[in-house]
Amino acid sequence: MLLDAVRGLLAAAQPTIELRGLTLIGVAVANLDDGRSIQLALPLDGYVGGSLDAALDEARERFGSKAVIRAVLLGRDEAFSPPLLPD
């Protein structure tokens, strides 16, 4: 039911998407509580904090420093450099 509604909205927006492009689409639902649901715990106990940083470092070593960039910088002048936090 929800999927059908989302597909209908997407189909209705298709002419605008083709004209202007699409960078992000999101769907949110709320108030679906039937009174019997429970909040599931997120499995964060096994989180390894450096795994993302290690993957980014590996990609940059293998493919060069510009292999991974922030999405906000796509299509911008290469002279622009966002401020970076110190390590």
PDB file of N, CA and C in Angstrom:
ATOM      1  N   MET A   1       0.816  -1.183   0.000  1.00  0.00           N
ATOM      2  CA  MET A   1       0.000   0.000   0.000  1.00  0.00           C
ATOM      3  C   MET A   1       0.865   1.255   0.000  1.00  0.00           C
ATOM      4  N   LEU A   2       1.851   1.324   0.921  1.00  0.00           N
ATOM      5  CA  LEU A   2       2.739   2.482   0.937  1.00  0.00           C
ATOM      6  C   LEU A   2       3.599   2.540  -0.313  1.00  0.00           C
ATOM      7  N   LEU A   3       4.100   1.378  -0.730  1.00  0.00           N
ATOM      8  CA  LEU A   3       4.926   1.337  -1.929  1.00  0.00           C
ATOM      9  C   LEU A   3       4.149   1.821  -3.147  1.00  0.00           C
ATOM     10  N   ASP A   4       2.896   1.448  -3.273  1.00  0.00           N
ATOM     11  CA  ASP A   4       2.074   1.908  -4.387  1.00  0.00           C
ATOM     12  C   ASP A   4       1.904   3.424  -4.365  1.00  0.00           C
ATOM     13  N   ALA A   5       1.705   3.990  -3.180  1.00  0.00           N
ATOM     14  CA  ALA A   5       1.558   5.441  -3.058  1.00  0.00           C
ATOM     15  C   ALA A   5       2.842   6.158  -3.453  1.00  0.00           C
ATOM     16  N   VAL A   6       3.982   5.629  -3.012  1.00  0.00           N
ATOM     17  CA  VAL A   6       5.268   6.240  -3.346  1.00  0.00           C
ATOM     18  C   VAL A   6       5.532   6.141  -4.847  1.00  0.00           C
ATOM     19  N   ARG A   7       5.223   5.006  -5.426  1.00  0.00           N
ATOM     20  CA  ARG A   7       5.405   4.852  -6.879  1.00  0.00           C
ATOM     21  C   ARG A   7       4.521   5.828  -7.647  1.00  0.00           C
ATOM     22  N   GLY A   8       3.309   6.051  -7.160  1.00  0.00           N
ATOM     23  CA  GLY A   8       2.422   7.013  -7.804  1.00  0.00           C
ATOM     24  C   GLY A   8       2.963   8.431  -7.728  1.00  0.00           C
ATOM     25  N   LEU A   9       3.493   8.806  -6.571  1.00  0.00           N
ATOM     26  CA  LEU A   9       4.092  10.132  -6.420  1.00  0.00           C
ATOM     27  C   LEU A   9       5.308  10.298  -7.323  1.00  0.00           C
ATOM     28  N   LEU A  10       6.127   9.256  -7.403  1.00  0.00           N
ATOM     29  CA  LEU A  10       7.296   9.305  -8.267  1.00  0.00           C
ATOM     30  C   LEU A  10       6.899   9.424  -9.735  1.00  0.00           C
ATOM     31  N   ALA A  11       5.895   8.688 -10.148  1.00  0.00           N
ATOM     32  CA  ALA A  11       5.424   8.762 -11.535  1.00  0.00           C
ATOM     33  C   ALA A  11       4.893  10.162 -11.850  1.00  0.00           C
ATOM     34  N   ALA A  12       4.179  10.765 -10.902  1.00  0.00           N
ATOM     35  CA  ALA A  12       3.649  12.110 -11.115  1.00  0.00           C
ATOM     36  C   ALA A  12       4.765  13.145 -11.202  1.00  0.00           C
ATOM     37  N   ALA A  13       5.862  12.909 -10.495  1.00  0.00           N
ATOM     38  CA  ALA A  13       6.979  13.851 -10.486  1.00  0.00           C
ATOM     39  C   ALA A  13       7.957  13.616 -11.634  1.00  0.00           C
ATOM     40  N   GLN A  14       7.792  12.545 -12.389  1.00  0.00           N
ATOM     41  CA  GLN A  14       8.747  12.179 -13.434  1.00  0.00           C
ATOM     42  C   GLN A  14       9.027  13.301 -14.436  1.00  0.00           C
ATOM     43  N   PRO A  15       8.040  14.058 -14.923  1.00  0.00           N
ATOM     44  CA  PRO A  15       8.360  15.148 -15.861  1.00  0.00           C
ATOM     45  C   PRO A  15       9.289  16.202 -15.240  1.00  0.00           C
ATOM     46  N   THR A  16       9.067  16.538 -13.996  1.00  0.00           N
ATOM     47  CA  THR A  16       9.924  17.515 -13.324  1.00  0.00           C
ATOM     48  C   THR A  16      11.318  16.942 -13.116  1.00  0.00           C
ATOM     49  N   ILE A  17      11.409  15.674 -12.770  1.00  0.00           N
ATOM     50  CA  ILE A  17      12.710  15.025 -12.580  1.00  0.00           C
ATOM     51  C   ILE A  17      13.499  15.037 -13.878  1.00  0.00           C
ATOM     52  N   GLU A  18      12.846  14.720 -14.989  1.00  0.00           N
ATOM     53  CA  GLU A  18      13.525  14.715 -16.285  1.00  0.00           C
ATOM     54  C   GLU A  18      13.966  16.116 -16.685  1.00  0.00           C
ATOM     55  N   LEU A  19      13.192  17.122 -16.329  1.00  0.00           N
ATOM     56  CA  LEU A  19      13.518  18.505 -16.682  1.00  0.00           C
ATOM     57  C   LEU A  19      14.632  19.064 -15.810  1.00  0.00           C
ATOM     58  N   ARG A  20      14.535  18.837 -14.515  1.00  0.00           N
ATOM     59  CA  ARG A  20      15.459  19.481 -13.574  1.00  0.00           C
ATOM     60  C   ARG A  20      16.495  18.541 -12.968  1.00  0.00           C
ATOM     61  N   GLY A  21      16.330  17.257 -13.146  1.00  0.00           N
ATOM     62  CA  GLY A  21      17.256  16.295 -12.561  1.00  0.00           C
ATOM     63  C   GLY A  21      16.816  15.888 -11.170  1.00  0.00           C
ATOM     64  N   LEU A  22      17.464  14.888 -10.653  1.00  0.00           N
ATOM     65  CA  LEU A  22      17.125  14.364  -9.337  1.00  0.00           C
ATOM     66  C   LEU A  22      18.417  14.066  -8.597  1.00  0.00           C
ATOM     67  N   THR A  23      18.542  14.604  -7.393  1.00  0.00           N
ATOM     68  CA  THR A  23      19.726  14.318  -6.600  1.00  0.00           C
ATOM     69  C   THR A  23      19.404  13.498  -5.366  1.00  0.00           C
ATOM     70  N   LEU A  24      18.191  13.591  -4.880  1.00  0.00           N
ATOM     71  CA  LEU A  24      17.839  12.876  -3.661  1.00  0.00           C
ATOM     72  C   LEU A  24      16.331  12.716  -3.596  1.00  0.00           C
ATOM     73  N   ILE A  25      15.902  11.570  -3.147  1.00  0.00           N
ATOM     74  CA  ILE A  25      14.484  11.354  -2.926  1.00  0.00           C
ATOM     75  C   ILE A  25      14.336  10.654  -1.583  1.00  0.00           C
ATOM     76  N   GLY A  26      13.374  11.070  -0.829  1.00  0.00           N
ATOM     77  CA  GLY A  26      13.158  10.469   0.478  1.00  0.00           C
ATOM     78  C   GLY A  26      11.678  10.307   0.755  1.00  0.00           C
ATOM     79  N   VAL A  27      11.366   9.344   1.568  1.00  0.00           N
ATOM     80  CA  VAL A  27       9.989   9.075   1.956  1.00  0.00           C
ATOM     81  C   VAL A  27       9.968   8.880   3.462  1.00  0.00           C
ATOM     82  N   ALA A  28       9.033   9.524   4.118  1.00  0.00           N
ATOM     83  CA  ALA A  28       8.888   9.360   5.565  1.00  0.00           C
ATOM     84  C   ALA A  28       7.455   8.946   5.865  1.00  0.00           C
ATOM     85  N   VAL A  29       7.305   8.083   6.824  1.00  0.00           N
ATOM     86  CA  VAL A  29       5.984   7.691   7.285  1.00  0.00           C
ATOM     87  C   VAL A  29       5.932   7.882   8.793  1.00  0.00           C
ATOM     88  N   ALA A  30       4.761   8.134   9.300  1.00  0.00           N
ATOM     89  CA  ALA A  30       4.616   8.371  10.735  1.00  0.00           C
ATOM     90  C   ALA A  30       3.259   7.879  11.201  1.00  0.00           C
ATOM     91  N   ASN A  31       3.116   7.748  12.493  1.00  0.00           N
ATOM     92  CA  ASN A  31       1.856   7.358  13.124  1.00  0.00           C
ATOM     93  C   ASN A  31       1.343   6.007  12.638  1.00  0.00           C
ATOM     94  N   LEU A  32       2.239   5.050  12.533  1.00  0.00           N
ATOM     95  CA  LEU A  32       1.851   3.711  12.111  1.00  0.00           C
ATOM     96  C   LEU A  32       1.725   2.762  13.299  1.00  0.00           C
ATOM     97  N   ASP A  33       1.743   3.297  14.490  1.00  0.00           N
ATOM     98  CA  ASP A  33       1.713   2.505  15.717  1.00  0.00           C
ATOM     99  C   ASP A  33       0.341   1.870  15.905  1.00  0.00           C
ATOM    100  N   ASP A  34       0.348   0.568  16.100  1.00  0.00           N
ATOM    101  CA  ASP A  34      -0.907  -0.138  16.356  1.00  0.00           C
ATOM    102  C   ASP A  34      -1.066  -0.452  17.843  1.00  0.00           C
ATOM    103  N   GLY A  35      -0.145   0.076  18.677  1.00  0.00           N
ATOM    104  CA  GLY A  35      -0.209  -0.168  20.107  1.00  0.00           C
ATOM    105  C   GLY A  35       0.481  -1.439  20.550  1.00  0.00           C
ATOM    106  N   ARG A  36       0.907  -2.259  19.604  1.00  0.00           N
ATOM    107  CA  ARG A  36       1.560  -3.522  19.940  1.00  0.00           C
ATOM    108  C   ARG A  36       3.028  -3.534  19.541  1.00  0.00           C
ATOM    109  N   SER A  37       3.503  -2.468  18.933  1.00  0.00           N
ATOM    110  CA  SER A  37       4.871  -2.473  18.426  1.00  0.00           C
ATOM    111  C   SER A  37       5.871  -2.187  19.535  1.00  0.00           C
ATOM    112  N   ILE A  38       7.111  -2.592  19.294  1.00  0.00           N
ATOM    113  CA  ILE A  38       8.183  -2.326  20.237  1.00  0.00           C
ATOM    114  C   ILE A  38       9.335  -1.663  19.484  1.00  0.00           C
ATOM    115  N   GLN A  39      10.145  -0.915  20.194  1.00  0.00           N
ATOM    116  CA  GLN A  39      11.329  -0.305  19.601  1.00  0.00           C
ATOM    117  C   GLN A  39      12.469  -1.302  19.638  1.00  0.00           C
ATOM    118  N   LEU A  40      13.012  -1.623  18.479  1.00  0.00           N
ATOM    119  CA  LEU A  40      14.121  -2.556  18.418  1.00  0.00           C
ATOM    120  C   LEU A  40      15.419  -1.824  18.730  1.00  0.00           C
ATOM    121  N   ALA A  41      16.324  -2.500  19.385  1.00  0.00           N
ATOM    122  CA  ALA A  41      17.628  -1.916  19.714  1.00  0.00           C
ATOM    123  C   ALA A  41      18.516  -1.934  18.481  1.00  0.00           C
ATOM    124  N   LEU A  42      19.308  -0.894  18.301  1.00  0.00           N
ATOM    125  CA  LEU A  42      20.263  -0.850  17.212  1.00  0.00           C
ATOM    126  C   LEU A  42      21.500  -1.659  17.592  1.00  0.00           C
ATOM    127  N   PRO A  43      22.042  -2.435  16.675  1.00  0.00           N
ATOM    128  CA  PRO A  43      23.194  -3.281  16.991  1.00  0.00           C
ATOM    129  C   PRO A  43      24.502  -2.490  16.940  1.00  0.00           C
ATOM    130  N   LEU A  44      24.725  -1.625  17.903  1.00  0.00           N
ATOM    131  CA  LEU A  44      25.905  -0.767  17.891  1.00  0.00           C
ATOM    132  C   LEU A  44      27.037  -1.288  18.758  1.00  0.00           C
ATOM    133  N   ASP A  45      26.853  -2.403  19.426  1.00  0.00           N
ATOM    134  CA  ASP A  45      27.886  -2.915  20.315  1.00  0.00           C
ATOM    135  C   ASP A  45      29.170  -3.289  19.579  1.00  0.00           C
ATOM    136  N   GLY A  46      29.065  -3.785  18.367  1.00  0.00           N
ATOM    137  CA  GLY A  46      30.239  -4.203  17.614  1.00  0.00           C
ATOM    138  C   GLY A  46      30.819  -3.130  16.725  1.00  0.00           C
ATOM    139  N   TYR A  47      30.442  -1.880  16.940  1.00  0.00           N
ATOM    140  CA  TYR A  47      30.901  -0.779  16.082  1.00  0.00           C
ATOM    141  C   TYR A  47      32.403  -0.601  16.194  1.00  0.00           C
ATOM    142  N   VAL A  48      33.061  -0.574  15.052  1.00  0.00           N
ATOM    143  CA  VAL A  48      34.491  -0.307  14.999  1.00  0.00           C
ATOM    144  C   VAL A  48      34.643   1.087  14.410  1.00  0.00           C
ATOM    145  N   GLY A  49      35.050   2.030  15.233  1.00  0.00           N
ATOM    146  CA  GLY A  49      35.065   3.437  14.857  1.00  0.00           C
ATOM    147  C   GLY A  49      35.927   3.817  13.678  1.00  0.00           C
ATOM    148  N   GLY A  50      37.030   3.126  13.423  1.00  0.00           N
ATOM    149  CA  GLY A  50      37.940   3.550  12.375  1.00  0.00           C
ATOM    150  C   GLY A  50      37.734   2.894  11.036  1.00  0.00           C
ATOM    151  N   SER A  51      36.720   2.051  10.892  1.00  0.00           N
ATOM    152  CA  SER A  51      36.572   1.296   9.647  1.00  0.00           C
ATOM    153  C   SER A  51      36.260   2.197   8.454  1.00  0.00           C
ATOM    154  N   LEU A  52      35.443   3.223   8.632  1.00  0.00           N
ATOM    155  CA  LEU A  52      35.142   4.140   7.533  1.00  0.00           C
ATOM    156  C   LEU A  52      36.386   4.924   7.148  1.00  0.00           C
ATOM    157  N   ASP A  53      37.093   5.432   8.132  1.00  0.00           N
ATOM    158  CA  ASP A  53      38.316   6.183   7.851  1.00  0.00           C
ATOM    159  C   ASP A  53      39.339   5.318   7.121  1.00  0.00           C
ATOM    160  N   ALA A  54      39.467   4.066   7.539  1.00  0.00           N
ATOM    161  CA  ALA A  54      40.414   3.158   6.897  1.00  0.00           C
ATOM    162  C   ALA A  54      40.025   2.909   5.438  1.00  0.00           C
ATOM    163  N   ALA A  55      38.739   2.738   5.168  1.00  0.00           N
ATOM    164  CA  ALA A  55      38.275   2.507   3.793  1.00  0.00           C
ATOM    165  C   ALA A  55      38.527   3.734   2.919  1.00  0.00           C
ATOM    166  N   LEU A  56      38.275   4.929   3.462  1.00  0.00           N
ATOM    167  CA  LEU A  56      38.538   6.157   2.710  1.00  0.00           C
ATOM    168  C   LEU A  56      40.027   6.322   2.426  1.00  0.00           C
ATOM    169  N   ASP A  57      40.868   6.058   3.427  1.00  0.00           N
ATOM    170  CA  ASP A  57      42.309   6.154   3.234  1.00  0.00           C
ATOM    171  C   ASP A  57      42.786   5.192   2.159  1.00  0.00           C
ATOM    172  N   GLU A  58      42.254   3.977   2.183  1.00  0.00           N
ATOM    173  CA  GLU A  58      42.645   2.975   1.190  1.00  0.00           C
ATOM    174  C   GLU A  58      42.230   3.395  -0.221  1.00  0.00           C
ATOM    175  N   ALA A  59      41.009   3.920  -0.365  1.00  0.00           N
ATOM    176  CA  ALA A  59      40.547   4.375  -1.680  1.00  0.00           C
ATOM    177  C   ALA A  59      41.404   5.527  -2.188  1.00  0.00           C
ATOM    178  N   ARG A  60      41.764   6.452  -1.311  1.00  0.00           N
ATOM    179  CA  ARG A  60      42.585   7.595  -1.723  1.00  0.00           C
ATOM    180  C   ARG A  60      44.008   7.152  -2.070  1.00  0.00           C
ATOM    181  N   GLU A  61      44.558   6.190  -1.346  1.00  0.00           N
ATOM    182  CA  GLU A  61      45.894   5.675  -1.667  1.00  0.00           C
ATOM    183  C   GLU A  61      45.895   4.978  -3.020  1.00  0.00           C
ATOM    184  N   ARG A  62      44.850   4.233  -3.278  1.00  0.00           N
ATOM    185  CA  ARG A  62      44.801   3.435  -4.503  1.00  0.00           C
ATOM    186  C   ARG A  62      44.453   4.268  -5.733  1.00  0.00           C
ATOM    187  N   PHE A  63      43.499   5.224  -5.582  1.00  0.00           N
ATOM    188  CA  PHE A  63      42.984   5.948  -6.739  1.00  0.00           C
ATOM    189  C   PHE A  63      43.318   7.434  -6.752  1.00  0.00           C
ATOM    190  N   GLY A  64      44.015   7.929  -5.733  1.00  0.00           N
ATOM    191  CA  GLY A  64      44.391   9.338  -5.688  1.00  0.00           C
ATOM    192  C   GLY A  64      43.539  10.126  -4.708  1.00  0.00           C
ATOM    193  N   SER A  65      44.030  11.299  -4.383  1.00  0.00           N
ATOM    194  CA  SER A  65      43.394  12.111  -3.339  1.00  0.00           C
ATOM    195  C   SER A  65      42.002  12.606  -3.714  1.00  0.00           C
ATOM    196  N   LYS A  66      41.693  12.642  -5.001  1.00  0.00           N
ATOM    197  CA  LYS A  66      40.375  13.135  -5.428  1.00  0.00           C
ATOM    198  C   LYS A  66      39.382  12.000  -5.701  1.00  0.00           C
ATOM    199  N   ALA A  67      39.723  10.791  -5.307  1.00  0.00           N
ATOM    200  CA  ALA A  67      38.855   9.639  -5.562  1.00  0.00           C
ATOM    201  C   ALA A  67      37.549   9.722  -4.792  1.00  0.00           C
ATOM    202  N   VAL A  68      37.594  10.267  -3.591  1.00  0.00           N
ATOM    203  CA  VAL A  68      36.405  10.390  -2.750  1.00  0.00           C
ATOM    204  C   VAL A  68      36.311  11.845  -2.318  1.00  0.00           C
ATOM    205  N   ILE A  69      35.189  12.478  -2.660  1.00  0.00           N
ATOM    206  CA  ILE A  69      34.995  13.870  -2.267  1.00  0.00           C
ATOM    207  C   ILE A  69      33.602  14.029  -1.676  1.00  0.00           C
ATOM    208  N   ARG A  70      33.390  15.125  -1.012  1.00  0.00           N
ATOM    209  CA  ARG A  70      32.070  15.426  -0.467  1.00  0.00           C
ATOM    210  C   ARG A  70      31.103  15.721  -1.616  1.00  0.00           C
ATOM    211  N   ALA A  71      29.885  15.245  -1.496  1.00  0.00           N
ATOM    212  CA  ALA A  71      28.890  15.438  -2.552  1.00  0.00           C
ATOM    213  C   ALA A  71      28.617  16.916  -2.804  1.00  0.00           C
ATOM    214  N   VAL A  72      28.695  17.734  -1.773  1.00  0.00           N
ATOM    215  CA  VAL A  72      28.435  19.158  -1.926  1.00  0.00           C
ATOM    216  C   VAL A  72      29.453  19.822  -2.859  1.00  0.00           C
ATOM    217  N   LEU A  73      30.602  19.184  -3.065  1.00  0.00           N
ATOM    218  CA  LEU A  73      31.648  19.754  -3.913  1.00  0.00           C
ATOM    219  C   LEU A  73      31.550  19.334  -5.370  1.00  0.00           C
ATOM    220  N   LEU A  74      30.658  18.409  -5.699  1.00  0.00           N
ATOM    221  CA  LEU A  74      30.533  17.953  -7.083  1.00  0.00           C
ATOM    222  C   LEU A  74      30.133  19.110  -7.981  1.00  0.00           C
ATOM    223  N   GLY A  75      30.842  19.280  -9.058  1.00  0.00           N
ATOM    224  CA  GLY A  75      30.525  20.331 -10.020  1.00  0.00           C
ATOM    225  C   GLY A  75      31.008  21.708  -9.612  1.00  0.00           C
ATOM    226  N   ARG A  76      31.713  21.822  -8.515  1.00  0.00           N
ATOM    227  CA  ARG A  76      32.225  23.123  -8.068  1.00  0.00           C
ATOM    228  C   ARG A  76      33.648  23.326  -8.565  1.00  0.00           C
ATOM    229  N   ASP A  77      34.059  24.572  -8.534  1.00  0.00           N
ATOM    230  CA  ASP A  77      35.412  24.937  -8.897  1.00  0.00           C
ATOM    231  C   ASP A  77      36.399  24.201  -7.992  1.00  0.00           C
ATOM    232  N   GLU A  78      37.435  23.606  -8.581  1.00  0.00           N
ATOM    233  CA  GLU A  78      38.397  22.846  -7.794  1.00  0.00           C
ATOM    234  C   GLU A  78      39.196  23.719  -6.839  1.00  0.00           C
ATOM    235  N   ALA A  79      39.207  25.023  -7.065  1.00  0.00           N
ATOM    236  CA  ALA A  79      39.939  25.916  -6.180  1.00  0.00           C
ATOM    237  C   ALA A  79      39.261  26.032  -4.819  1.00  0.00           C
ATOM    238  N   PHE A  80      37.953  25.734  -4.774  1.00  0.00           N
ATOM    239  CA  PHE A  80      37.212  25.807  -3.503  1.00  0.00           C
ATOM    240  C   PHE A  80      37.614  24.635  -2.631  1.00  0.00           C
ATOM    241  N   SER A  81      37.962  24.914  -1.398  1.00  0.00           N
ATOM    242  CA  SER A  81      38.340  23.858  -0.461  1.00  0.00           C
ATOM    243  C   SER A  81      37.608  24.085   0.852  1.00  0.00           C
ATOM    244  N   PRO A  82      36.803  23.123   1.273  1.00  0.00           N
ATOM    245  CA  PRO A  82      36.065  23.304   2.524  1.00  0.00           C
ATOM    246  C   PRO A  82      37.003  23.196   3.719  1.00  0.00           C
ATOM    247  N   PRO A  83      36.664  23.829   4.798  1.00  0.00           N
ATOM    248  CA  PRO A  83      37.497  23.695   5.984  1.00  0.00           C
ATOM    249  C   PRO A  83      37.435  22.271   6.514  1.00  0.00           C
ATOM    250  N   LEU A  84      38.559  21.761   6.955  1.00  0.00           N
ATOM    251  CA  LEU A  84      38.626  20.412   7.503  1.00  0.00           C
ATOM    252  C   LEU A  84      38.970  20.483   8.977  1.00  0.00           C
ATOM    253  N   LEU A  85      38.405  19.559   9.722  1.00  0.00           N
ATOM    254  CA  LEU A  85      38.720  19.485  11.140  1.00  0.00           C
ATOM    255  C   LEU A  85      40.090  18.847  11.331  1.00  0.00           C
ATOM    256  N   PRO A  86      40.843  19.278  12.329  1.00  0.00           N
ATOM    257  CA  PRO A  86      42.149  18.652  12.551  1.00  0.00           C
ATOM    258  C   PRO A  86      41.979  17.214  13.020  1.00  0.00           C
ATOM    259  N   ASP A  87      42.950  16.385  12.705  1.00  0.00           N
ATOM    260  CA  ASP A  87      42.901  14.977  13.130  1.00  0.00           C
ATOM    261  C   ASP A  87      43.069  14.841  14.617  1.00  0.00           C
TER     262      ASP A  87
END
